[in-house]
Protein backbone atom coordinates (compact mmCIF):
# COMPACT_ATOMS: atom_id res chain seq x y z
CA UNK A 1 0.00 0.00 0.00
CA UNK A 2 1.13 3.53 -0.70
CA UNK A 3 0.24 6.80 0.99
CA UNK A 4 -2.18 8.81 -1.15
CA UNK A 5 -0.33 11.37 -3.31
CA UNK A 6 3.14 10.22 -2.28
CA UNK A 7 5.75 9.70 -5.00
CA UNK A 8 5.40 5.96 -4.34
CA UNK A 9 1.63 6.22 -4.90
CA UNK A 10 2.12 7.94 -8.26
CA UNK A 11 4.66 5.25 -9.28
CA UNK A 12 2.26 2.46 -8.31
CA UNK A 13 -0.64 4.15 -10.11
CA UNK A 14 1.51 4.54 -13.22
CA UNK A 15 2.40 0.81 -13.14
CA UNK A 16 -1.23 -0.21 -12.74
CA UNK A 17 -2.22 2.11 -15.58
CA UNK A 18 0.45 0.72 -17.91
CA UNK A 19 -0.70 -2.85 -17.23
CA UNK A 20 -4.28 -1.92 -18.19
CA UNK A 21 -3.16 -0.64 -21.60
CA UNK A 22 -5.85 1.21 -23.53
CA UNK A 23 -8.30 2.49 -20.94
CA UNK A 24 -10.97 3.21 -23.58
CA UNK A 25 -11.37 6.69 -22.11
CA UNK A 26 -14.58 8.46 -23.22
CA UNK A 27 -13.91 11.27 -25.70
CA UNK A 28 -15.00 13.94 -23.17
CA UNK A 29 -12.15 12.80 -20.88
CA UNK A 30 -9.58 11.79 -23.52
CA UNK A 31 -8.65 15.38 -24.33
CA UNK A 32 -9.10 16.75 -20.79
CA UNK A 33 -6.01 18.13 -19.06
CA UNK A 34 -6.94 19.25 -15.56
CA UNK A 35 -4.27 20.55 -13.20
CA UNK A 36 -4.95 19.96 -9.52
CA UNK A 37 -3.23 21.32 -6.42
CA UNK A 38 -4.01 19.24 -3.37
CA UNK A 39 -3.43 20.98 -0.05
CA UNK A 40 -2.69 19.36 3.29
CA UNK A 41 -1.34 16.05 1.97
CA UNK A 42 1.06 14.19 4.30
CA UNK A 43 4.05 15.53 2.35
CA UNK A 44 2.57 19.02 1.98
CA UNK A 45 0.86 20.49 -1.07
CA UNK A 46 0.96 18.25 -4.15
CA UNK A 47 0.57 19.32 -7.77
CA UNK A 48 -0.94 16.68 -10.00
CA UNK A 49 -2.72 16.42 -13.31
CA UNK A 50 -5.58 14.41 -14.70
CA UNK A 51 -4.45 13.96 -18.27
CA UNK A 52 -6.68 11.97 -20.60
CA UNK A 53 -8.10 9.99 -17.69
CA UNK A 54 -4.69 9.27 -16.13
CA UNK A 55 -3.15 10.57 -12.90
CA UNK A 56 0.22 12.31 -13.30
CA UNK A 57 2.52 13.95 -10.77
CA UNK A 58 3.00 17.67 -11.43
CA UNK A 59 1.05 20.15 -13.48
CA UNK A 60 0.84 19.96 -17.27
CA UNK A 61 1.56 23.18 -19.18
CA UNK A 62 -1.29 22.46 -21.62
CA UNK A 63 -3.92 22.45 -18.87
CA UNK A 64 -6.29 25.41 -19.04
CA UNK A 65 -8.12 24.61 -15.80
CA UNK A 66 -6.77 24.25 -12.28
CA UNK A 67 -8.51 22.96 -9.17
CA UNK A 68 -7.29 23.52 -5.62
CA UNK A 69 -8.77 21.31 -2.93
CA UNK A 70 -7.86 19.68 0.40
CA UNK A 71 -6.34 16.20 0.53
CA UNK A 72 -9.25 14.47 2.25
CA UNK A 73 -11.66 15.74 -0.38
CA UNK A 74 -9.29 14.82 -3.22
CA UNK A 75 -9.16 11.28 -1.89
CA UNK A 76 -12.94 11.03 -1.71
CA UNK A 77 -13.32 12.34 -5.27
CA UNK A 78 -10.43 10.67 -7.08
CA UNK A 79 -9.94 7.40 -5.17
CA UNK A 80 -13.36 6.66 -3.72
CA UNK A 81 -15.22 8.14 -6.71
CA UNK A 82 -17.63 10.03 -4.43
CA UNK A 83 -19.24 12.50 -6.84
CA UNK A 84 -21.51 13.87 -4.13
CA UNK A 85 -18.38 14.89 -2.16
CA UNK A 86 -17.17 16.77 -5.21
CA UNK A 87 -20.41 18.71 -5.54
CA UNK A 88 -20.49 19.45 -1.81
CA UNK A 89 -16.86 20.56 -1.89
CA UNK A 90 -17.56 22.91 -4.77
CA UNK A 91 -20.71 24.35 -3.21
CA UNK A 92 -19.01 24.86 0.17
CA UNK A 93 -16.00 26.61 -1.36
CA UNK A 94 -13.49 23.85 -0.55
CA UNK A 95 -12.78 23.48 -4.27
CA UNK A 96 -11.34 26.52 -5.98
CA UNK A 97 -11.44 26.62 -9.79
CA UNK A 98 -9.21 28.74 -12.01
CA UNK A 99 -9.51 28.88 -15.79
CA UNK A 100 -11.91 27.14 -18.15
CA UNK A 101 -14.86 25.92 -16.09
CA UNK A 102 -16.35 24.07 -19.09
CA UNK A 103 -13.52 21.52 -18.80
CA UNK A 104 -14.66 20.69 -15.30
CA UNK A 105 -18.24 20.29 -16.49
CA UNK A 106 -17.08 17.83 -19.17
CA UNK A 107 -15.46 15.73 -16.47
CA UNK A 108 -18.69 15.59 -14.48
CA UNK A 109 -20.85 14.37 -17.36
CA UNK A 110 -18.47 11.70 -18.70
CA UNK A 111 -18.83 8.16 -17.46
CA UNK A 112 -15.65 6.11 -17.00
CA UNK A 113 -15.13 3.06 -19.19
CA UNK A 114 -15.17 -0.43 -17.68
CA UNK A 115 -11.36 -0.50 -17.87
CA UNK A 116 -11.16 2.82 -16.01
CA UNK A 117 -13.52 1.47 -13.34
CA UNK A 118 -11.30 -1.61 -12.93
CA UNK A 119 -8.22 0.61 -12.67
CA UNK A 120 -9.85 2.83 -10.07
CA UNK A 121 -10.69 -0.24 -7.96
CA UNK A 122 -7.04 -1.31 -8.15
CA UNK A 123 -5.87 2.21 -7.24
CA UNK A 124 -8.22 2.23 -4.26
CA UNK A 125 -6.83 -1.14 -3.14
CA UNK A 126 -3.22 0.14 -3.06
CA UNK A 127 -4.02 3.49 -1.42
CA UNK A 128 -3.39 4.03 2.31
C-alpha atoms as a PDB file:
ATOM      1  CA  UNK A   1       0.000   0.000   0.000  1.00  0.00           C
ATOM      2  CA  UNK A   2       1.127   3.531  -0.700  1.00  0.00           C
ATOM      3  CA  UNK A   3       0.243   6.802   0.994  1.00  0.00           C
ATOM      4  CA  UNK A   4      -2.179   8.812  -1.148  1.00  0.00           C
ATOM      5  CA  UNK A   5      -0.334  11.371  -3.312  1.00  0.00           C
ATOM      6  CA  UNK A   6       3.139  10.219  -2.276  1.00  0.00           C
ATOM      7  CA  UNK A   7       5.748   9.699  -4.996  1.00  0.00           C
ATOM      8  CA  UNK A   8       5.399   5.959  -4.343  1.00  0.00           C
ATOM      9  CA  UNK A   9       1.629   6.217  -4.896  1.00  0.00           C
ATOM     10  CA  UNK A  10       2.121   7.938  -8.257  1.00  0.00           C
ATOM     11  CA  UNK A  11       4.663   5.250  -9.281  1.00  0.00           C
ATOM     12  CA  UNK A  12       2.257   2.455  -8.313  1.00  0.00           C
ATOM     13  CA  UNK A  13      -0.641   4.150 -10.111  1.00  0.00           C
ATOM     14  CA  UNK A  14       1.509   4.535 -13.221  1.00  0.00           C
ATOM     15  CA  UNK A  15       2.404   0.809 -13.144  1.00  0.00           C
ATOM     16  CA  UNK A  16      -1.234  -0.212 -12.736  1.00  0.00           C
ATOM     17  CA  UNK A  17      -2.220   2.109 -15.585  1.00  0.00           C
ATOM     18  CA  UNK A  18       0.450   0.720 -17.906  1.00  0.00           C
ATOM     19  CA  UNK A  19      -0.700  -2.854 -17.229  1.00  0.00           C
ATOM     20  CA  UNK A  20      -4.280  -1.917 -18.191  1.00  0.00           C
ATOM     21  CA  UNK A  21      -3.159  -0.643 -21.597  1.00  0.00           C
ATOM     22  CA  UNK A  22      -5.848   1.211 -23.534  1.00  0.00           C
ATOM     23  CA  UNK A  23      -8.302   2.486 -20.937  1.00  0.00           C
ATOM     24  CA  UNK A  24     -10.967   3.205 -23.579  1.00  0.00           C
ATOM     25  CA  UNK A  25     -11.368   6.686 -22.106  1.00  0.00           C
ATOM     26  CA  UNK A  26     -14.576   8.457 -23.218  1.00  0.00           C
ATOM     27  CA  UNK A  27     -13.914  11.273 -25.697  1.00  0.00           C
ATOM     28  CA  UNK A  28     -14.999  13.936 -23.174  1.00  0.00           C
ATOM     29  CA  UNK A  29     -12.149  12.801 -20.883  1.00  0.00           C
ATOM     30  CA  UNK A  30      -9.582  11.792 -23.515  1.00  0.00           C
ATOM     31  CA  UNK A  31      -8.651  15.384 -24.328  1.00  0.00           C
ATOM     32  CA  UNK A  32      -9.104  16.751 -20.790  1.00  0.00           C
ATOM     33  CA  UNK A  33      -6.014  18.126 -19.062  1.00  0.00           C
ATOM     34  CA  UNK A  34      -6.945  19.249 -15.560  1.00  0.00           C
ATOM     35  CA  UNK A  35      -4.271  20.551 -13.200  1.00  0.00           C
ATOM     36  CA  UNK A  36      -4.949  19.963  -9.515  1.00  0.00           C
ATOM     37  CA  UNK A  37      -3.226  21.322  -6.419  1.00  0.00           C
ATOM     38  CA  UNK A  38      -4.013  19.236  -3.367  1.00  0.00           C
ATOM     39  CA  UNK A  39      -3.432  20.980  -0.051  1.00  0.00           C
ATOM     40  CA  UNK A  40      -2.691  19.364   3.285  1.00  0.00           C
ATOM     41  CA  UNK A  41      -1.341  16.050   1.966  1.00  0.00           C
ATOM     42  CA  UNK A  42       1.060  14.191   4.304  1.00  0.00           C
ATOM     43  CA  UNK A  43       4.054  15.528   2.347  1.00  0.00           C
ATOM     44  CA  UNK A  44       2.573  19.023   1.976  1.00  0.00           C
ATOM     45  CA  UNK A  45       0.858  20.489  -1.072  1.00  0.00           C
ATOM     46  CA  UNK A  46       0.957  18.255  -4.146  1.00  0.00           C
ATOM     47  CA  UNK A  47       0.568  19.321  -7.769  1.00  0.00           C
ATOM     48  CA  UNK A  48      -0.935  16.677 -10.005  1.00  0.00           C
ATOM     49  CA  UNK A  49      -2.723  16.424 -13.311  1.00  0.00           C
ATOM     50  CA  UNK A  50      -5.585  14.406 -14.702  1.00  0.00           C
ATOM     51  CA  UNK A  51      -4.453  13.960 -18.274  1.00  0.00           C
ATOM     52  CA  UNK A  52      -6.681  11.972 -20.596  1.00  0.00           C
ATOM     53  CA  UNK A  53      -8.101   9.990 -17.690  1.00  0.00           C
ATOM     54  CA  UNK A  54      -4.693   9.274 -16.135  1.00  0.00           C
ATOM     55  CA  UNK A  55      -3.149  10.570 -12.904  1.00  0.00           C
ATOM     56  CA  UNK A  56       0.221  12.313 -13.303  1.00  0.00           C
ATOM     57  CA  UNK A  57       2.519  13.946 -10.768  1.00  0.00           C
ATOM     58  CA  UNK A  58       3.004  17.670 -11.426  1.00  0.00           C
ATOM     59  CA  UNK A  59       1.046  20.155 -13.485  1.00  0.00           C
ATOM     60  CA  UNK A  60       0.836  19.958 -17.270  1.00  0.00           C
ATOM     61  CA  UNK A  61       1.562  23.184 -19.177  1.00  0.00           C
ATOM     62  CA  UNK A  62      -1.288  22.460 -21.619  1.00  0.00           C
ATOM     63  CA  UNK A  63      -3.918  22.454 -18.869  1.00  0.00           C
ATOM     64  CA  UNK A  64      -6.294  25.408 -19.039  1.00  0.00           C
ATOM     65  CA  UNK A  65      -8.116  24.612 -15.803  1.00  0.00           C
ATOM     66  CA  UNK A  66      -6.775  24.251 -12.280  1.00  0.00           C
ATOM     67  CA  UNK A  67      -8.507  22.964  -9.167  1.00  0.00           C
ATOM     68  CA  UNK A  68      -7.293  23.519  -5.624  1.00  0.00           C
ATOM     69  CA  UNK A  69      -8.769  21.310  -2.929  1.00  0.00           C
ATOM     70  CA  UNK A  70      -7.863  19.677   0.405  1.00  0.00           C
ATOM     71  CA  UNK A  71      -6.336  16.203   0.534  1.00  0.00           C
ATOM     72  CA  UNK A  72      -9.253  14.471   2.254  1.00  0.00           C
ATOM     73  CA  UNK A  73     -11.663  15.744  -0.379  1.00  0.00           C
ATOM     74  CA  UNK A  74      -9.291  14.820  -3.223  1.00  0.00           C
ATOM     75  CA  UNK A  75      -9.160  11.276  -1.894  1.00  0.00           C
ATOM     76  CA  UNK A  76     -12.944  11.034  -1.707  1.00  0.00           C
ATOM     77  CA  UNK A  77     -13.323  12.335  -5.265  1.00  0.00           C
ATOM     78  CA  UNK A  78     -10.427  10.667  -7.083  1.00  0.00           C
ATOM     79  CA  UNK A  79      -9.939   7.401  -5.169  1.00  0.00           C
ATOM     80  CA  UNK A  80     -13.359   6.663  -3.717  1.00  0.00           C
ATOM     81  CA  UNK A  81     -15.222   8.144  -6.712  1.00  0.00           C
ATOM     82  CA  UNK A  82     -17.629  10.025  -4.432  1.00  0.00           C
ATOM     83  CA  UNK A  83     -19.238  12.496  -6.836  1.00  0.00           C
ATOM     84  CA  UNK A  84     -21.508  13.870  -4.126  1.00  0.00           C
ATOM     85  CA  UNK A  85     -18.384  14.888  -2.164  1.00  0.00           C
ATOM     86  CA  UNK A  86     -17.167  16.771  -5.211  1.00  0.00           C
ATOM     87  CA  UNK A  87     -20.406  18.710  -5.543  1.00  0.00           C
ATOM     88  CA  UNK A  88     -20.494  19.446  -1.810  1.00  0.00           C
ATOM     89  CA  UNK A  89     -16.857  20.561  -1.893  1.00  0.00           C
ATOM     90  CA  UNK A  90     -17.559  22.906  -4.774  1.00  0.00           C
ATOM     91  CA  UNK A  91     -20.709  24.345  -3.213  1.00  0.00           C
ATOM     92  CA  UNK A  92     -19.009  24.859   0.171  1.00  0.00           C
ATOM     93  CA  UNK A  93     -15.999  26.614  -1.361  1.00  0.00           C
ATOM     94  CA  UNK A  94     -13.492  23.849  -0.545  1.00  0.00           C
ATOM     95  CA  UNK A  95     -12.778  23.475  -4.273  1.00  0.00           C
ATOM     96  CA  UNK A  96     -11.338  26.522  -5.984  1.00  0.00           C
ATOM     97  CA  UNK A  97     -11.437  26.622  -9.792  1.00  0.00           C
ATOM     98  CA  UNK A  98      -9.211  28.737 -12.015  1.00  0.00           C
ATOM     99  CA  UNK A  99      -9.509  28.880 -15.788  1.00  0.00           C
ATOM    100  CA  UNK A 100     -11.906  27.136 -18.152  1.00  0.00           C
ATOM    101  CA  UNK A 101     -14.860  25.916 -16.088  1.00  0.00           C
ATOM    102  CA  UNK A 102     -16.349  24.067 -19.088  1.00  0.00           C
ATOM    103  CA  UNK A 103     -13.516  21.518 -18.803  1.00  0.00           C
ATOM    104  CA  UNK A 104     -14.660  20.688 -15.301  1.00  0.00           C
ATOM    105  CA  UNK A 105     -18.236  20.286 -16.487  1.00  0.00           C
ATOM    106  CA  UNK A 106     -17.078  17.833 -19.169  1.00  0.00           C
ATOM    107  CA  UNK A 107     -15.455  15.733 -16.469  1.00  0.00           C
ATOM    108  CA  UNK A 108     -18.694  15.589 -14.482  1.00  0.00           C
ATOM    109  CA  UNK A 109     -20.848  14.372 -17.360  1.00  0.00           C
ATOM    110  CA  UNK A 110     -18.468  11.698 -18.705  1.00  0.00           C
ATOM    111  CA  UNK A 111     -18.832   8.158 -17.458  1.00  0.00           C
ATOM    112  CA  UNK A 112     -15.654   6.106 -16.998  1.00  0.00           C
ATOM    113  CA  UNK A 113     -15.130   3.055 -19.193  1.00  0.00           C
ATOM    114  CA  UNK A 114     -15.170  -0.432 -17.678  1.00  0.00           C
ATOM    115  CA  UNK A 115     -11.357  -0.499 -17.872  1.00  0.00           C
ATOM    116  CA  UNK A 116     -11.165   2.821 -16.015  1.00  0.00           C
ATOM    117  CA  UNK A 117     -13.519   1.470 -13.339  1.00  0.00           C
ATOM    118  CA  UNK A 118     -11.298  -1.609 -12.931  1.00  0.00           C
ATOM    119  CA  UNK A 119      -8.218   0.609 -12.673  1.00  0.00           C
ATOM    120  CA  UNK A 120      -9.853   2.828 -10.071  1.00  0.00           C
ATOM    121  CA  UNK A 121     -10.686  -0.238  -7.957  1.00  0.00           C
ATOM    122  CA  UNK A 122      -7.041  -1.310  -8.154  1.00  0.00           C
ATOM    123  CA  UNK A 123      -5.869   2.207  -7.244  1.00  0.00           C
ATOM    124  CA  UNK A 124      -8.222   2.227  -4.256  1.00  0.00           C
ATOM    125  CA  UNK A 125      -6.832  -1.143  -3.139  1.00  0.00           C
ATOM    126  CA  UNK A 126      -3.216   0.138  -3.062  1.00  0.00           C
ATOM    127  CA  UNK A 127      -4.024   3.489  -1.425  1.00  0.00           C
ATOM    128  CA  UNK A 128      -3.388   4.025   2.305  1.00  0.00           C
END
